[in-house]
């Protein structure tokens, strides 16, 4: 069972079929944060039973590029879910707002298309310490939480597309 923030329901990571394929796309920008988030996600996926060869990790330059990478992976019939991982730290310019809006809207658009779940593992924080706290620090690992969400959504999709559900 994973640990949760106060007010959140406790979550039990589901076991996954070993042939489930969950791709991770991580931004290289703020790599010390995105690397820790990626490791947290991989830990959950592997503990749930996914084989390492079914959890490809790809990198893109920055957070804006995550949407393109996720769209490309979503078009691949062999991928059951995509986790996008990034870290945007507020600075003194409006760039933070543009980047956050771009990746948020892009992920939402991809989810609305319904090809595969695209899980939002992007930190949008005020300072580096906020990111460190969420990348394995005092507030857990949001990459691990994204992996749990990916497994839940793969199971949800399989349930909804099953013949038993359609007959109900």
Protein backbone atom coordinates (compact mmCIF):
# COMPACT_ATOMS: atom_id res chain seq x y z
CA UNK A 1 0.00 0.00 0.00
CA UNK A 2 1.34 3.42 -0.86
CA UNK A 3 1.35 6.39 1.44
CA UNK A 4 -0.95 9.27 0.64
CA UNK A 5 -1.30 12.90 1.55
CA UNK A 6 -3.73 13.82 4.30
CA UNK A 7 -7.30 13.64 3.04
CA UNK A 8 -6.49 11.31 0.15
CA UNK A 9 -7.83 7.78 0.20
CA UNK A 10 -5.24 5.08 0.87
CA UNK A 11 -4.33 3.28 -2.31
CA UNK A 12 -3.32 -0.29 -2.95
CA UNK A 13 -1.22 -0.72 -6.06
CA UNK A 14 -2.98 -3.24 -8.28
CA UNK A 15 -1.18 -6.22 -9.68
CA UNK A 16 -0.75 -5.90 -13.40
CA UNK A 17 -0.64 -8.43 -16.18
CA UNK A 18 3.07 -8.82 -16.97
CA UNK A 19 2.39 -8.06 -20.66
CA UNK A 20 0.99 -4.63 -19.79
CA UNK A 21 3.11 -1.93 -21.43
CA UNK A 22 3.42 1.46 -19.78
CA UNK A 23 5.74 3.96 -21.42
CA UNK A 24 7.33 6.81 -19.50
CA UNK A 25 8.36 10.01 -21.23
CA UNK A 26 10.53 12.24 -19.08
CA UNK A 27 11.80 15.74 -19.71
CA UNK A 28 15.57 16.19 -19.41
CA UNK A 29 15.06 19.71 -18.03
CA UNK A 30 15.47 19.54 -14.23
CA UNK A 31 16.85 16.02 -14.71
CA UNK A 32 17.71 15.56 -11.03
CA UNK A 33 13.97 15.86 -10.30
CA UNK A 34 12.58 14.04 -13.34
CA UNK A 35 15.06 11.21 -12.80
CA UNK A 36 13.83 10.67 -9.24
CA UNK A 37 10.21 10.78 -10.43
CA UNK A 38 11.00 8.26 -13.17
CA UNK A 39 12.67 5.91 -10.69
CA UNK A 40 9.63 6.14 -8.41
CA UNK A 41 7.33 5.27 -11.31
CA UNK A 42 9.48 2.35 -12.45
CA UNK A 43 9.63 0.96 -8.91
CA UNK A 44 5.83 0.84 -8.69
CA UNK A 45 5.42 -0.64 -12.18
CA UNK A 46 7.98 -3.38 -11.58
CA UNK A 47 6.62 -4.21 -8.11
CA UNK A 48 3.18 -4.54 -9.72
CA UNK A 49 4.54 -7.22 -12.04
CA UNK A 50 5.44 -5.40 -15.24
CA UNK A 51 8.60 -6.65 -16.91
CA UNK A 52 11.35 -4.09 -17.48
CA UNK A 53 11.13 -4.55 -21.25
CA UNK A 54 7.48 -3.45 -21.02
CA UNK A 55 8.29 -0.17 -19.28
CA UNK A 56 10.27 1.83 -21.84
CA UNK A 57 11.64 5.18 -20.71
CA UNK A 58 12.14 7.86 -23.34
CA UNK A 59 13.46 11.35 -22.86
CA UNK A 60 12.61 14.65 -24.49
CA UNK A 61 14.33 18.02 -24.06
CA UNK A 62 11.68 19.75 -21.96
CA UNK A 63 8.17 19.69 -20.61
CA UNK A 64 6.51 21.25 -23.68
CA UNK A 65 7.77 18.33 -25.78
CA UNK A 66 6.02 15.79 -23.54
CA UNK A 67 2.71 16.20 -25.39
CA UNK A 68 4.19 15.34 -28.79
CA UNK A 69 6.00 12.33 -27.36
CA UNK A 70 2.88 11.10 -25.57
CA UNK A 71 0.79 11.53 -28.75
CA UNK A 72 3.34 9.52 -30.73
CA UNK A 73 3.35 6.74 -28.14
CA UNK A 74 -0.45 6.76 -27.81
CA UNK A 75 -0.70 5.96 -31.52
CA UNK A 76 1.33 2.78 -30.88
CA UNK A 77 -1.11 -0.10 -30.36
CA UNK A 78 1.41 -1.88 -28.12
CA UNK A 79 1.30 0.79 -25.38
CA UNK A 80 -1.41 0.55 -22.70
CA UNK A 81 -0.66 3.87 -20.98
CA UNK A 82 1.81 6.74 -21.12
CA UNK A 83 3.16 8.60 -18.12
CA UNK A 84 4.54 12.08 -18.80
CA UNK A 85 7.10 13.28 -16.28
CA UNK A 86 8.40 16.82 -16.03
CA UNK A 87 9.24 19.54 -13.58
CA UNK A 88 8.52 23.22 -14.10
CA UNK A 89 9.82 25.60 -11.43
CA UNK A 90 8.35 29.09 -11.28
CA UNK A 91 10.75 31.83 -12.25
CA UNK A 92 10.53 35.56 -12.69
CA UNK A 93 8.92 35.46 -16.15
CA UNK A 94 5.59 34.26 -17.52
CA UNK A 95 7.37 31.32 -19.19
CA UNK A 96 6.26 29.08 -16.27
CA UNK A 97 2.60 29.78 -17.05
CA UNK A 98 3.01 29.07 -20.77
CA UNK A 99 4.84 25.79 -20.22
CA UNK A 100 2.37 24.59 -17.57
CA UNK A 101 -0.63 25.53 -19.68
CA UNK A 102 0.83 23.82 -22.75
CA UNK A 103 1.52 20.47 -21.11
CA UNK A 104 -1.72 20.49 -19.12
CA UNK A 105 -3.89 21.24 -22.14
CA UNK A 106 -1.91 18.79 -24.28
CA UNK A 107 -2.35 15.96 -21.79
CA UNK A 108 -6.03 16.75 -21.42
CA UNK A 109 -6.49 16.75 -25.20
CA UNK A 110 -4.77 13.38 -25.53
CA UNK A 111 -6.92 11.88 -22.79
CA UNK A 112 -10.06 13.19 -24.45
CA UNK A 113 -9.03 11.42 -27.68
CA UNK A 114 -9.25 8.19 -25.70
CA UNK A 115 -6.48 6.22 -27.39
CA UNK A 116 -4.65 5.34 -24.17
CA UNK A 117 -4.53 6.97 -20.75
CA UNK A 118 -1.94 9.73 -20.52
CA UNK A 119 -0.98 10.20 -16.91
CA UNK A 120 0.15 13.63 -15.75
CA UNK A 121 3.33 13.30 -13.71
CA UNK A 122 4.46 16.89 -14.14
CA UNK A 123 5.43 18.91 -11.10
CA UNK A 124 4.50 22.60 -11.32
CA UNK A 125 6.12 24.15 -8.28
CA UNK A 126 7.23 27.49 -6.87
CA UNK A 127 10.78 26.46 -5.94
CA UNK A 128 13.24 23.60 -6.23
CA UNK A 129 12.60 22.47 -2.64
CA UNK A 130 8.90 21.98 -3.45
CA UNK A 131 10.00 19.68 -6.30
CA UNK A 132 12.48 17.76 -4.15
CA UNK A 133 9.77 17.24 -1.52
CA UNK A 134 7.58 15.61 -4.21
CA UNK A 135 10.34 13.58 -5.90
CA UNK A 136 11.06 11.21 -3.06
CA UNK A 137 11.22 13.75 -0.24
CA UNK A 138 8.85 14.59 2.60
CA UNK A 139 5.75 14.54 0.37
CA UNK A 140 6.44 11.19 -1.28
CA UNK A 141 7.14 10.54 -4.93
CA UNK A 142 4.64 11.86 -7.45
CA UNK A 143 6.21 9.60 -10.10
CA UNK A 144 5.17 6.60 -8.03
CA UNK A 145 1.66 8.04 -7.73
CA UNK A 146 1.54 8.55 -11.51
CA UNK A 147 2.46 4.89 -12.01
CA UNK A 148 -0.33 3.81 -9.66
CA UNK A 149 -2.75 5.97 -11.66
CA UNK A 150 -1.49 4.42 -14.91
CA UNK A 151 -2.13 0.90 -13.62
CA UNK A 152 -5.57 1.90 -12.37
CA UNK A 153 -6.44 3.42 -15.74
CA UNK A 154 -5.20 0.39 -17.69
CA UNK A 155 -7.44 -1.78 -15.51
CA UNK A 156 -10.33 0.68 -15.94
CA UNK A 157 -9.94 0.61 -19.72
CA UNK A 158 -9.82 -3.17 -19.84
CA UNK A 159 -12.90 -3.39 -17.62
CA UNK A 160 -14.91 -0.94 -19.74
CA UNK A 161 -13.91 -2.60 -23.00
CA UNK A 162 -14.63 -6.11 -21.73
CA UNK A 163 -17.61 -8.04 -23.05
CA UNK A 164 -18.92 -8.54 -19.50
CA UNK A 165 -19.10 -4.79 -18.92
CA UNK A 166 -20.78 -4.16 -22.27
CA UNK A 167 -23.51 -6.72 -21.42
CA UNK A 168 -24.24 -5.17 -18.02
